[in-house]
């Protein structure tokens, strides 16, 4: 009987679905952002600031970045699980990656709501 490896990758439908859904959210945002850009054509800081003063644009940007961070987490986590065999090292890198993504998310929220 083969023992189950509890530290291995958690491949499955959930991870596959997260990657696809977050990719669709990011693609939709890019299309929306391109349309807004080509309609408003911001040239300076004040134009960009005005673009992001609307609540819907802030929320759309927030959803984009949260999708980006979640998409990145699933991808990086799978790379760690596939290529880094020592469990302690892999866990340490995963914790550092999670902390960095959380800091980036908080920084992004601060930037969006300070404009």
C-alpha atoms as a PDB file:
ATOM      1  CA  UNK A   1       0.000   0.000   0.000  1.00  0.00           C
ATOM      2  CA  UNK A   2       1.330   3.401  -0.958  1.00  0.00           C
ATOM      3  CA  UNK A   3       1.378   6.008   1.814  1.00  0.00           C
ATOM      4  CA  UNK A   4      -0.308   9.306   1.203  1.00  0.00           C
ATOM      5  CA  UNK A   5       2.018  12.301   0.949  1.00  0.00           C
ATOM      6  CA  UNK A   6       0.354  15.066   2.966  1.00  0.00           C
ATOM      7  CA  UNK A   7       2.863  17.729   1.919  1.00  0.00           C
ATOM      8  CA  UNK A   8       2.328  17.285  -1.796  1.00  0.00           C
ATOM      9  CA  UNK A   9       0.484  19.509  -4.204  1.00  0.00           C
ATOM     10  CA  UNK A  10      -3.251  19.950  -3.799  1.00  0.00           C
ATOM     11  CA  UNK A  11      -4.097  19.679  -7.438  1.00  0.00           C
ATOM     12  CA  UNK A  12      -7.703  19.487  -8.321  1.00  0.00           C
ATOM     13  CA  UNK A  13     -10.767  21.156  -9.653  1.00  0.00           C
ATOM     14  CA  UNK A  14     -10.670  24.033  -7.146  1.00  0.00           C
ATOM     15  CA  UNK A  15      -7.169  25.183  -8.134  1.00  0.00           C
ATOM     16  CA  UNK A  16      -7.940  24.757 -11.830  1.00  0.00           C
ATOM     17  CA  UNK A  17     -11.153  26.749 -11.446  1.00  0.00           C
ATOM     18  CA  UNK A  18      -9.451  29.521  -9.425  1.00  0.00           C
ATOM     19  CA  UNK A  19      -6.811  29.948 -12.133  1.00  0.00           C
ATOM     20  CA  UNK A  20      -9.455  30.170 -14.873  1.00  0.00           C
ATOM     21  CA  UNK A  21     -11.852  32.485 -13.015  1.00  0.00           C
ATOM     22  CA  UNK A  22      -9.114  34.880 -11.928  1.00  0.00           C
ATOM     23  CA  UNK A  23      -7.743  34.926 -15.484  1.00  0.00           C
ATOM     24  CA  UNK A  24     -11.194  35.820 -16.837  1.00  0.00           C
ATOM     25  CA  UNK A  25     -11.594  38.592 -14.240  1.00  0.00           C
ATOM     26  CA  UNK A  26      -8.186  40.018 -15.161  1.00  0.00           C
ATOM     27  CA  UNK A  27      -8.907  39.821 -18.902  1.00  0.00           C
ATOM     28  CA  UNK A  28     -12.268  41.570 -18.442  1.00  0.00           C
ATOM     29  CA  UNK A  29     -10.606  44.338 -16.400  1.00  0.00           C
ATOM     30  CA  UNK A  30      -7.946  44.859 -19.052  1.00  0.00           C
ATOM     31  CA  UNK A  31     -10.640  45.300 -21.702  1.00  0.00           C
ATOM     32  CA  UNK A  32     -12.602  47.715 -19.482  1.00  0.00           C
ATOM     33  CA  UNK A  33      -9.456  49.625 -18.538  1.00  0.00           C
ATOM     34  CA  UNK A  34      -8.401  49.923 -22.191  1.00  0.00           C
ATOM     35  CA  UNK A  35     -11.841  51.297 -23.093  1.00  0.00           C
ATOM     36  CA  UNK A  36     -11.713  53.822 -20.248  1.00  0.00           C
ATOM     37  CA  UNK A  37      -8.182  54.795 -21.200  1.00  0.00           C
ATOM     38  CA  UNK A  38      -8.989  55.378 -24.864  1.00  0.00           C
ATOM     39  CA  UNK A  39     -12.133  57.354 -24.007  1.00  0.00           C
ATOM     40  CA  UNK A  40     -10.606  59.599 -21.330  1.00  0.00           C
ATOM     41  CA  UNK A  41      -6.974  59.503 -22.535  1.00  0.00           C
ATOM     42  CA  UNK A  42      -5.417  60.735 -19.259  1.00  0.00           C
ATOM     43  CA  UNK A  43      -2.174  62.664 -19.743  1.00  0.00           C
ATOM     44  CA  UNK A  44      -1.150  63.808 -16.278  1.00  0.00           C
ATOM     45  CA  UNK A  45      -1.537  62.918 -12.611  1.00  0.00           C
ATOM     46  CA  UNK A  46      -4.800  64.828 -12.242  1.00  0.00           C
ATOM     47  CA  UNK A  47      -6.392  63.039 -15.187  1.00  0.00           C
ATOM     48  CA  UNK A  48      -5.362  59.657 -13.787  1.00  0.00           C
ATOM     49  CA  UNK A  49      -6.575  60.696 -10.351  1.00  0.00           C
ATOM     50  CA  UNK A  50      -9.938  61.706 -11.797  1.00  0.00           C
ATOM     51  CA  UNK A  51     -10.195  58.338 -13.586  1.00  0.00           C
ATOM     52  CA  UNK A  52      -9.817  56.473 -10.288  1.00  0.00           C
ATOM     53  CA  UNK A  53     -12.092  58.743  -8.247  1.00  0.00           C
ATOM     54  CA  UNK A  54     -15.185  56.886  -9.390  1.00  0.00           C
ATOM     55  CA  UNK A  55     -16.159  54.101  -7.020  1.00  0.00           C
ATOM     56  CA  UNK A  56     -16.802  51.550  -9.771  1.00  0.00           C
ATOM     57  CA  UNK A  57     -13.275  52.002 -11.156  1.00  0.00           C
ATOM     58  CA  UNK A  58     -11.753  51.544  -7.708  1.00  0.00           C
ATOM     59  CA  UNK A  59     -13.784  48.389  -7.106  1.00  0.00           C
ATOM     60  CA  UNK A  60     -12.940  47.015 -10.557  1.00  0.00           C
ATOM     61  CA  UNK A  61      -9.254  47.710  -9.928  1.00  0.00           C
ATOM     62  CA  UNK A  62      -9.490  46.128  -6.480  1.00  0.00           C
ATOM     63  CA  UNK A  63     -11.045  42.991  -8.006  1.00  0.00           C
ATOM     64  CA  UNK A  64      -8.317  42.927 -10.650  1.00  0.00           C
ATOM     65  CA  UNK A  65      -5.492  43.086  -8.135  1.00  0.00           C
ATOM     66  CA  UNK A  66      -7.076  40.604  -5.712  1.00  0.00           C
ATOM     67  CA  UNK A  67      -7.533  38.230  -8.662  1.00  0.00           C
ATOM     68  CA  UNK A  68      -3.926  38.834  -9.674  1.00  0.00           C
ATOM     69  CA  UNK A  69      -2.649  38.062  -6.179  1.00  0.00           C
ATOM     70  CA  UNK A  70      -4.782  34.920  -5.837  1.00  0.00           C
ATOM     71  CA  UNK A  71      -3.742  33.778  -9.331  1.00  0.00           C
ATOM     72  CA  UNK A  72      -0.095  34.382  -8.441  1.00  0.00           C
ATOM     73  CA  UNK A  73      -0.447  32.534  -5.135  1.00  0.00           C
ATOM     74  CA  UNK A  74      -1.869  29.395  -6.750  1.00  0.00           C
ATOM     75  CA  UNK A  75       0.816  29.408  -9.434  1.00  0.00           C
ATOM     76  CA  UNK A  76       3.756  30.068  -7.116  1.00  0.00           C
ATOM     77  CA  UNK A  77       2.467  27.577  -4.539  1.00  0.00           C
ATOM     78  CA  UNK A  78       2.291  24.872  -7.213  1.00  0.00           C
ATOM     79  CA  UNK A  79       5.831  25.687  -8.359  1.00  0.00           C
ATOM     80  CA  UNK A  80       7.083  25.446  -4.768  1.00  0.00           C
ATOM     81  CA  UNK A  81       5.346  22.111  -4.255  1.00  0.00           C
ATOM     82  CA  UNK A  82       6.664  20.711  -7.530  1.00  0.00           C
ATOM     83  CA  UNK A  83      10.297  21.799  -7.291  1.00  0.00           C
ATOM     84  CA  UNK A  84      11.210  22.422  -3.635  1.00  0.00           C
ATOM     85  CA  UNK A  85      11.393  19.088  -1.865  1.00  0.00           C
ATOM     86  CA  UNK A  86      12.540  19.999   1.696  1.00  0.00           C
ATOM     87  CA  UNK A  87       9.297  20.618   3.572  1.00  0.00           C
ATOM     88  CA  UNK A  88      10.716  23.281   5.917  1.00  0.00           C
ATOM     89  CA  UNK A  89      12.174  25.332   3.089  1.00  0.00           C
ATOM     90  CA  UNK A  90       8.983  25.026   1.049  1.00  0.00           C
ATOM     91  CA  UNK A  91       6.843  26.083   4.022  1.00  0.00           C
ATOM     92  CA  UNK A  92       9.129  29.039   4.722  1.00  0.00           C
ATOM     93  CA  UNK A  93       8.935  30.220   1.116  1.00  0.00           C
ATOM     94  CA  UNK A  94       5.163  29.827   1.114  1.00  0.00           C
ATOM     95  CA  UNK A  95       4.834  31.910   4.286  1.00  0.00           C
ATOM     96  CA  UNK A  96       7.088  34.624   2.861  1.00  0.00           C
ATOM     97  CA  UNK A  97       5.098  34.638  -0.380  1.00  0.00           C
ATOM     98  CA  UNK A  98       1.792  34.927   1.500  1.00  0.00           C
ATOM     99  CA  UNK A  99       3.126  37.802   3.604  1.00  0.00           C
ATOM    100  CA  UNK A 100       4.449  39.638   0.533  1.00  0.00           C
ATOM    101  CA  UNK A 101       1.112  39.234  -1.281  1.00  0.00           C
ATOM    102  CA  UNK A 102      -0.796  40.502   1.772  1.00  0.00           C
ATOM    103  CA  UNK A 103       1.491  43.546   2.041  1.00  0.00           C
ATOM    104  CA  UNK A 104       1.037  44.227  -1.689  1.00  0.00           C
ATOM    105  CA  UNK A 105      -2.755  43.958  -1.296  1.00  0.00           C
ATOM    106  CA  UNK A 106      -2.782  46.407   1.628  1.00  0.00           C
ATOM    107  CA  UNK A 107      -0.510  48.786  -0.281  1.00  0.00           C
ATOM    108  CA  UNK A 108      -2.773  48.595  -3.333  1.00  0.00           C
ATOM    109  CA  UNK A 109      -5.857  49.353  -1.219  1.00  0.00           C
ATOM    110  CA  UNK A 110      -4.069  52.313   0.357  1.00  0.00           C
ATOM    111  CA  UNK A 111      -3.135  53.666  -3.064  1.00  0.00           C
ATOM    112  CA  UNK A 112      -6.626  53.212  -4.527  1.00  0.00           C
ATOM    113  CA  UNK A 113      -8.450  54.917  -1.680  1.00  0.00           C
ATOM    114  CA  UNK A 114      -5.943  57.743  -1.252  1.00  0.00           C
ATOM    115  CA  UNK A 115      -6.460  59.087  -4.761  1.00  0.00           C
END
